[in-house]
Amino acid sequence: MVSSIDLSYIAGILDGEGTIIVQKNRQLVVQITQNDKDLLLFIQNLLGGSISGTTRKTGNVQYMLGWCSVNAQAVLRELLNYLHLRKSKARLGILYQDMLNSRNHNGKYTDDELEAIGMFRESISSA
């Protein structure tokens, strides 16, 4: 179990350096981008996720820790009470993933479901 102190710390990092988005493929994604890989390894040790790195034009490496779909939702649930700036996006992300999880769709959505997904995507983008 992750301590409330660690969750508060990680929530502060997500508030400042993170994103909560729905990708074009309708997948919920939570990411933290950071130059300090050790910080991301610390968070990964507590909450899981995948780390990747990109070399910038300056030669510095920028790292990203990310979670997708139900894993992203689980992280948002863990951090929700500690978030400030991204709390509304986190709530929307949790609801969005709940909506996707609530049915067995065989990869096909009804028009109403597609409209709801679009509205959630717009809401998360503008929150």
N, C-alpha and C. Protein backbone atom coordinates (compact mmCIF):
# COMPACT_ATOMS: atom_id res chain seq x y z
N MET A 1 0.84 -1.19 0.00
CA MET A 1 0.00 0.00 0.00
C MET A 1 0.89 1.25 0.00
N VAL A 2 0.51 2.21 -0.82
CA VAL A 2 1.27 3.45 -0.95
C VAL A 2 0.82 4.42 0.14
N SER A 3 1.78 5.05 0.80
CA SER A 3 1.45 5.97 1.89
C SER A 3 0.79 7.24 1.37
N SER A 4 0.03 7.89 2.23
CA SER A 4 -0.63 9.15 1.84
C SER A 4 0.40 10.23 1.54
N ILE A 5 1.54 10.18 2.20
CA ILE A 5 2.61 11.16 1.92
C ILE A 5 3.12 10.97 0.50
N ASP A 6 3.38 9.71 0.12
CA ASP A 6 3.85 9.45 -1.24
C ASP A 6 2.79 9.80 -2.28
N LEU A 7 1.52 9.47 -2.00
CA LEU A 7 0.44 9.82 -2.93
C LEU A 7 0.32 11.33 -3.10
N SER A 8 0.47 12.08 -2.00
CA SER A 8 0.43 13.54 -2.08
C SER A 8 1.57 14.07 -2.94
N TYR A 9 2.75 13.53 -2.73
CA TYR A 9 3.94 13.93 -3.49
C TYR A 9 3.74 13.66 -4.98
N ILE A 10 3.29 12.43 -5.30
CA ILE A 10 3.08 12.06 -6.71
C ILE A 10 1.97 12.90 -7.33
N ALA A 11 0.92 13.18 -6.58
CA ALA A 11 -0.17 14.03 -7.10
C ALA A 11 0.36 15.41 -7.45
N GLY A 12 1.24 15.95 -6.61
CA GLY A 12 1.84 17.25 -6.91
C GLY A 12 2.65 17.23 -8.19
N ILE A 13 3.35 16.13 -8.42
CA ILE A 13 4.12 15.99 -9.67
C ILE A 13 3.18 15.89 -10.86
N LEU A 14 2.11 15.09 -10.73
CA LEU A 14 1.13 14.99 -11.82
C LEU A 14 0.46 16.34 -12.08
N ASP A 15 0.13 17.07 -11.02
CA ASP A 15 -0.46 18.40 -11.19
C ASP A 15 0.48 19.31 -11.99
N GLY A 16 1.78 19.23 -11.73
CA GLY A 16 2.72 20.13 -12.38
C GLY A 16 3.31 19.64 -13.68
N GLU A 17 3.55 18.35 -13.78
CA GLU A 17 4.29 17.80 -14.93
C GLU A 17 3.52 16.74 -15.70
N GLY A 18 2.23 16.58 -15.40
CA GLY A 18 1.49 15.48 -15.99
C GLY A 18 0.40 15.89 -16.95
N THR A 19 -0.10 14.89 -17.64
CA THR A 19 -1.23 15.08 -18.55
C THR A 19 -2.21 13.92 -18.37
N ILE A 20 -3.47 14.24 -18.58
CA ILE A 20 -4.54 13.24 -18.60
C ILE A 20 -5.28 13.48 -19.90
N ILE A 21 -5.22 12.50 -20.79
CA ILE A 21 -5.80 12.69 -22.12
C ILE A 21 -6.54 11.43 -22.57
N VAL A 22 -7.37 11.61 -23.57
CA VAL A 22 -7.95 10.48 -24.29
C VAL A 22 -7.37 10.57 -25.70
N GLN A 23 -6.67 9.52 -26.10
CA GLN A 23 -6.05 9.51 -27.41
C GLN A 23 -7.08 9.27 -28.51
N LYS A 24 -6.66 9.46 -29.74
CA LYS A 24 -7.56 9.26 -30.88
C LYS A 24 -8.15 7.85 -30.92
N ASN A 25 -7.41 6.89 -30.39
CA ASN A 25 -7.90 5.50 -30.37
C ASN A 25 -8.84 5.27 -29.18
N ARG A 26 -9.25 6.34 -28.52
CA ARG A 26 -10.21 6.34 -27.40
C ARG A 26 -9.62 5.78 -26.11
N GLN A 27 -8.31 5.71 -26.02
CA GLN A 27 -7.65 5.16 -24.85
C GLN A 27 -7.31 6.27 -23.86
N LEU A 28 -7.72 6.07 -22.59
CA LEU A 28 -7.35 6.99 -21.52
C LEU A 28 -5.86 6.83 -21.22
N VAL A 29 -5.14 7.94 -21.13
CA VAL A 29 -3.70 7.91 -20.88
C VAL A 29 -3.36 8.95 -19.80
N VAL A 30 -2.55 8.54 -18.85
CA VAL A 30 -1.99 9.43 -17.84
C VAL A 30 -0.48 9.38 -18.01
N GLN A 31 0.16 10.57 -18.09
CA GLN A 31 1.61 10.63 -18.33
C GLN A 31 2.23 11.68 -17.41
N ILE A 32 3.46 11.39 -17.00
CA ILE A 32 4.29 12.38 -16.30
C ILE A 32 5.58 12.47 -17.10
N THR A 33 5.93 13.68 -17.51
CA THR A 33 7.14 13.92 -18.28
C THR A 33 8.14 14.63 -17.38
N GLN A 34 9.40 14.17 -17.43
CA GLN A 34 10.38 14.63 -16.47
C GLN A 34 11.78 14.37 -17.02
N ASN A 35 12.73 15.24 -16.70
CA ASN A 35 14.13 15.02 -17.07
C ASN A 35 14.82 14.07 -16.10
N ASP A 36 14.27 13.93 -14.91
CA ASP A 36 14.86 13.13 -13.85
C ASP A 36 14.29 11.71 -13.87
N LYS A 37 15.04 10.79 -14.46
CA LYS A 37 14.56 9.41 -14.58
C LYS A 37 14.40 8.76 -13.20
N ASP A 38 15.27 9.11 -12.26
CA ASP A 38 15.19 8.52 -10.92
C ASP A 38 13.85 8.82 -10.25
N LEU A 39 13.34 10.02 -10.47
CA LEU A 39 12.03 10.38 -9.92
C LEU A 39 10.94 9.49 -10.52
N LEU A 40 10.99 9.29 -11.82
CA LEU A 40 10.00 8.43 -12.47
C LEU A 40 10.14 6.97 -12.04
N LEU A 41 11.36 6.52 -11.81
CA LEU A 41 11.57 5.16 -11.31
C LEU A 41 10.98 5.00 -9.91
N PHE A 42 11.11 6.03 -9.09
CA PHE A 42 10.50 6.02 -7.75
C PHE A 42 8.98 5.87 -7.86
N ILE A 43 8.37 6.66 -8.73
CA ILE A 43 6.92 6.60 -8.92
C ILE A 43 6.52 5.25 -9.51
N GLN A 44 7.26 4.79 -10.49
CA GLN A 44 6.97 3.49 -11.12
C GLN A 44 7.03 2.36 -10.09
N ASN A 45 7.97 2.44 -9.16
CA ASN A 45 8.09 1.42 -8.13
C ASN A 45 6.83 1.36 -7.26
N LEU A 46 6.17 2.50 -7.08
CA LEU A 46 4.96 2.57 -6.25
C LEU A 46 3.67 2.30 -7.02
N LEU A 47 3.59 2.80 -8.27
CA LEU A 47 2.33 2.76 -9.01
C LEU A 47 2.39 2.01 -10.34
N GLY A 48 3.54 1.43 -10.66
CA GLY A 48 3.66 0.73 -11.94
C GLY A 48 3.79 1.72 -13.09
N GLY A 49 3.46 1.27 -14.27
CA GLY A 49 3.55 2.11 -15.46
C GLY A 49 4.77 1.77 -16.29
N SER A 50 4.89 2.44 -17.42
CA SER A 50 5.99 2.22 -18.36
C SER A 50 6.76 3.51 -18.56
N ILE A 51 8.08 3.40 -18.58
CA ILE A 51 8.95 4.56 -18.80
C ILE A 51 9.57 4.46 -20.18
N SER A 52 9.55 5.60 -20.89
CA SER A 52 10.24 5.69 -22.17
C SER A 52 11.02 6.99 -22.18
N GLY A 53 11.99 7.09 -23.08
CA GLY A 53 12.81 8.30 -23.16
C GLY A 53 12.93 8.78 -24.58
N THR A 54 13.05 10.09 -24.71
CA THR A 54 13.22 10.72 -26.01
C THR A 54 14.40 11.69 -25.91
N THR A 55 15.33 11.60 -26.87
CA THR A 55 16.46 12.53 -26.88
C THR A 55 16.04 13.81 -27.60
N ARG A 56 16.22 14.92 -26.92
CA ARG A 56 15.85 16.22 -27.48
C ARG A 56 16.98 16.75 -28.36
N LYS A 57 16.69 17.81 -29.09
CA LYS A 57 17.70 18.42 -29.98
C LYS A 57 18.92 18.87 -29.21
N THR A 58 18.73 19.22 -27.94
CA THR A 58 19.84 19.67 -27.09
C THR A 58 20.73 18.52 -26.64
N GLY A 59 20.30 17.28 -26.89
CA GLY A 59 21.04 16.11 -26.46
C GLY A 59 20.57 15.57 -25.12
N ASN A 60 19.74 16.35 -24.41
CA ASN A 60 19.19 15.87 -23.14
C ASN A 60 18.09 14.86 -23.40
N VAL A 61 17.93 13.94 -22.48
CA VAL A 61 16.88 12.94 -22.59
C VAL A 61 15.71 13.36 -21.72
N GLN A 62 14.53 13.34 -22.30
CA GLN A 62 13.30 13.60 -21.56
C GLN A 62 12.57 12.28 -21.40
N TYR A 63 12.21 11.98 -20.16
CA TYR A 63 11.57 10.70 -19.85
C TYR A 63 10.09 10.90 -19.62
N MET A 64 9.34 9.82 -19.91
CA MET A 64 7.90 9.85 -19.69
C MET A 64 7.49 8.55 -19.01
N LEU A 65 6.72 8.70 -17.94
CA LEU A 65 6.11 7.56 -17.27
C LEU A 65 4.64 7.59 -17.62
N GLY A 66 4.10 6.47 -18.10
CA GLY A 66 2.72 6.49 -18.54
C GLY A 66 1.94 5.26 -18.14
N TRP A 67 0.62 5.46 -18.07
CA TRP A 67 -0.35 4.40 -17.80
C TRP A 67 -1.47 4.54 -18.81
N CYS A 68 -2.07 3.42 -19.24
CA CYS A 68 -3.15 3.45 -20.21
C CYS A 68 -4.37 2.70 -19.68
N SER A 69 -5.52 3.12 -20.15
CA SER A 69 -6.80 2.45 -19.93
C SER A 69 -7.08 2.20 -18.45
N VAL A 70 -7.33 0.94 -18.08
CA VAL A 70 -7.70 0.64 -16.69
C VAL A 70 -6.56 0.92 -15.73
N ASN A 71 -5.32 0.81 -16.18
CA ASN A 71 -4.18 1.16 -15.33
C ASN A 71 -4.15 2.66 -15.07
N ALA A 72 -4.45 3.45 -16.09
CA ALA A 72 -4.54 4.91 -15.92
C ALA A 72 -5.66 5.24 -14.94
N GLN A 73 -6.78 4.57 -15.09
CA GLN A 73 -7.91 4.80 -14.19
C GLN A 73 -7.53 4.46 -12.75
N ALA A 74 -6.82 3.36 -12.54
CA ALA A 74 -6.41 2.97 -11.19
C ALA A 74 -5.49 4.01 -10.56
N VAL A 75 -4.57 4.55 -11.36
CA VAL A 75 -3.67 5.60 -10.85
C VAL A 75 -4.48 6.85 -10.49
N LEU A 76 -5.42 7.23 -11.34
CA LEU A 76 -6.24 8.41 -11.06
C LEU A 76 -7.06 8.21 -9.78
N ARG A 77 -7.59 7.01 -9.59
CA ARG A 77 -8.34 6.73 -8.35
C ARG A 77 -7.44 6.88 -7.12
N GLU A 78 -6.22 6.38 -7.21
CA GLU A 78 -5.27 6.47 -6.10
C GLU A 78 -4.93 7.92 -5.76
N LEU A 79 -4.79 8.76 -6.79
CA LEU A 79 -4.32 10.13 -6.60
C LEU A 79 -5.43 11.16 -6.45
N LEU A 80 -6.66 10.79 -6.74
CA LEU A 80 -7.75 11.76 -6.85
C LEU A 80 -7.87 12.69 -5.65
N ASN A 81 -7.85 12.18 -4.45
CA ASN A 81 -8.04 13.02 -3.26
C ASN A 81 -6.87 13.95 -2.99
N TYR A 82 -5.75 13.75 -3.67
CA TYR A 82 -4.56 14.56 -3.44
C TYR A 82 -4.31 15.57 -4.57
N LEU A 83 -5.00 15.41 -5.68
CA LEU A 83 -4.82 16.32 -6.81
C LEU A 83 -5.49 17.66 -6.55
N HIS A 84 -4.97 18.70 -7.18
CA HIS A 84 -5.58 20.02 -7.12
C HIS A 84 -5.88 20.51 -8.54
N LEU A 85 -4.85 20.78 -9.31
CA LEU A 85 -5.02 21.36 -10.65
C LEU A 85 -5.67 20.40 -11.64
N ARG A 86 -5.42 19.13 -11.51
CA ARG A 86 -5.92 18.15 -12.49
C ARG A 86 -7.04 17.28 -11.91
N LYS A 87 -7.64 17.72 -10.80
CA LYS A 87 -8.68 16.91 -10.16
C LYS A 87 -9.90 16.74 -11.06
N SER A 88 -10.34 17.81 -11.72
CA SER A 88 -11.53 17.69 -12.58
C SER A 88 -11.25 16.76 -13.76
N LYS A 89 -10.05 16.84 -14.35
CA LYS A 89 -9.69 15.94 -15.44
C LYS A 89 -9.62 14.50 -14.95
N ALA A 90 -9.10 14.32 -13.74
CA ALA A 90 -9.00 12.97 -13.18
C ALA A 90 -10.39 12.37 -12.99
N ARG A 91 -11.31 13.16 -12.46
CA ARG A 91 -12.69 12.68 -12.28
C ARG A 91 -13.29 12.28 -13.63
N LEU A 92 -13.11 13.14 -14.62
CA LEU A 92 -13.64 12.83 -15.96
C LEU A 92 -12.99 11.58 -16.53
N GLY A 93 -11.68 11.44 -16.33
CA GLY A 93 -10.98 10.26 -16.82
C GLY A 93 -11.50 8.98 -16.19
N ILE A 94 -11.75 9.02 -14.89
CA ILE A 94 -12.30 7.86 -14.20
C ILE A 94 -13.68 7.51 -14.74
N LEU A 95 -14.52 8.52 -14.90
CA LEU A 95 -15.86 8.29 -15.46
C LEU A 95 -15.80 7.78 -16.89
N TYR A 96 -14.90 8.35 -17.67
CA TYR A 96 -14.73 7.94 -19.06
C TYR A 96 -14.38 6.45 -19.12
N GLN A 97 -13.39 6.04 -18.32
CA GLN A 97 -12.97 4.64 -18.35
C GLN A 97 -14.07 3.74 -17.82
N ASP A 98 -14.83 4.21 -16.82
CA ASP A 98 -15.98 3.44 -16.34
C ASP A 98 -16.97 3.18 -17.47
N MET A 99 -17.20 4.22 -18.28
CA MET A 99 -18.12 4.08 -19.40
C MET A 99 -17.61 3.03 -20.39
N LEU A 100 -16.32 3.07 -20.68
CA LEU A 100 -15.76 2.09 -21.62
C LEU A 100 -15.80 0.68 -21.03
N ASN A 101 -15.60 0.58 -19.73
CA ASN A 101 -15.57 -0.73 -19.07
C ASN A 101 -16.95 -1.34 -18.89
N SER A 102 -17.98 -0.51 -19.00
CA SER A 102 -19.32 -0.94 -18.61
C SER A 102 -20.01 -1.85 -19.62
N ARG A 103 -19.41 -2.06 -20.75
CA ARG A 103 -20.10 -2.87 -21.75
C ARG A 103 -19.10 -3.72 -22.53
N ASN A 104 -19.61 -4.75 -23.10
CA ASN A 104 -18.83 -5.59 -23.99
C ASN A 104 -19.23 -5.20 -25.41
N HIS A 105 -18.37 -4.44 -26.08
CA HIS A 105 -18.77 -3.80 -27.34
C HIS A 105 -18.21 -4.45 -28.60
N ASN A 106 -17.42 -5.50 -28.49
CA ASN A 106 -16.85 -6.14 -29.68
C ASN A 106 -16.15 -5.14 -30.61
N GLY A 107 -15.66 -4.06 -30.05
CA GLY A 107 -14.97 -3.06 -30.86
C GLY A 107 -15.90 -2.13 -31.61
N LYS A 108 -17.21 -2.32 -31.47
CA LYS A 108 -18.17 -1.47 -32.18
C LYS A 108 -19.01 -0.72 -31.16
N TYR A 109 -19.21 0.55 -31.43
CA TYR A 109 -19.99 1.41 -30.55
C TYR A 109 -21.24 1.87 -31.29
N THR A 110 -22.29 2.11 -30.53
CA THR A 110 -23.49 2.71 -31.12
C THR A 110 -23.22 4.18 -31.37
N ASP A 111 -24.05 4.83 -32.14
CA ASP A 111 -23.91 6.27 -32.38
C ASP A 111 -23.98 7.06 -31.08
N ASP A 112 -24.88 6.67 -30.18
CA ASP A 112 -25.00 7.36 -28.89
C ASP A 112 -23.73 7.21 -28.06
N GLU A 113 -23.14 6.02 -28.09
CA GLU A 113 -21.90 5.80 -27.34
C GLU A 113 -20.75 6.60 -27.94
N LEU A 114 -20.67 6.65 -29.26
CA LEU A 114 -19.64 7.46 -29.91
C LEU A 114 -19.79 8.93 -29.57
N GLU A 115 -21.03 9.40 -29.52
CA GLU A 115 -21.28 10.80 -29.15
C GLU A 115 -20.83 11.05 -27.71
N ALA A 116 -21.15 10.12 -26.80
CA ALA A 116 -20.75 10.27 -25.40
C ALA A 116 -19.23 10.24 -25.27
N ILE A 117 -18.57 9.35 -26.00
CA ILE A 117 -17.11 9.28 -25.99
C ILE A 117 -16.52 10.59 -26.47
N GLY A 118 -17.08 11.13 -27.55
CA GLY A 118 -16.61 12.42 -28.07
C GLY A 118 -16.77 13.54 -27.07
N MET A 119 -17.91 13.56 -26.38
CA MET A 119 -18.15 14.61 -25.38
C MET A 119 -17.15 14.47 -24.22
N PHE A 120 -16.87 13.25 -23.77
CA PHE A 120 -15.90 13.04 -22.72
C PHE A 120 -14.52 13.50 -23.17
N ARG A 121 -14.15 13.13 -24.39
CA ARG A 121 -12.83 13.54 -24.91
C ARG A 121 -12.69 15.05 -24.92
N GLU A 122 -13.73 15.74 -25.39
CA GLU A 122 -13.71 17.21 -25.40
C GLU A 122 -13.64 17.77 -24.00
N SER A 123 -14.42 17.19 -23.08
CA SER A 123 -14.42 17.66 -21.69
C SER A 123 -13.06 17.50 -21.04
N ILE A 124 -12.43 16.35 -21.26
CA ILE A 124 -11.10 16.11 -20.68
C ILE A 124 -10.09 17.07 -21.29
N SER A 125 -10.19 17.31 -22.59
CA SER A 125 -9.25 18.22 -23.25
C SER A 125 -9.39 19.66 -22.76
N SER A 126 -10.60 20.07 -22.43
CA SER A 126 -10.83 21.46 -22.05
C SER A 126 -10.80 21.68 -20.53
N ALA A 127 -10.79 20.61 -19.76
CA ALA A 127 -10.83 20.75 -18.29
C ALA A 127 -9.51 21.28 -17.76
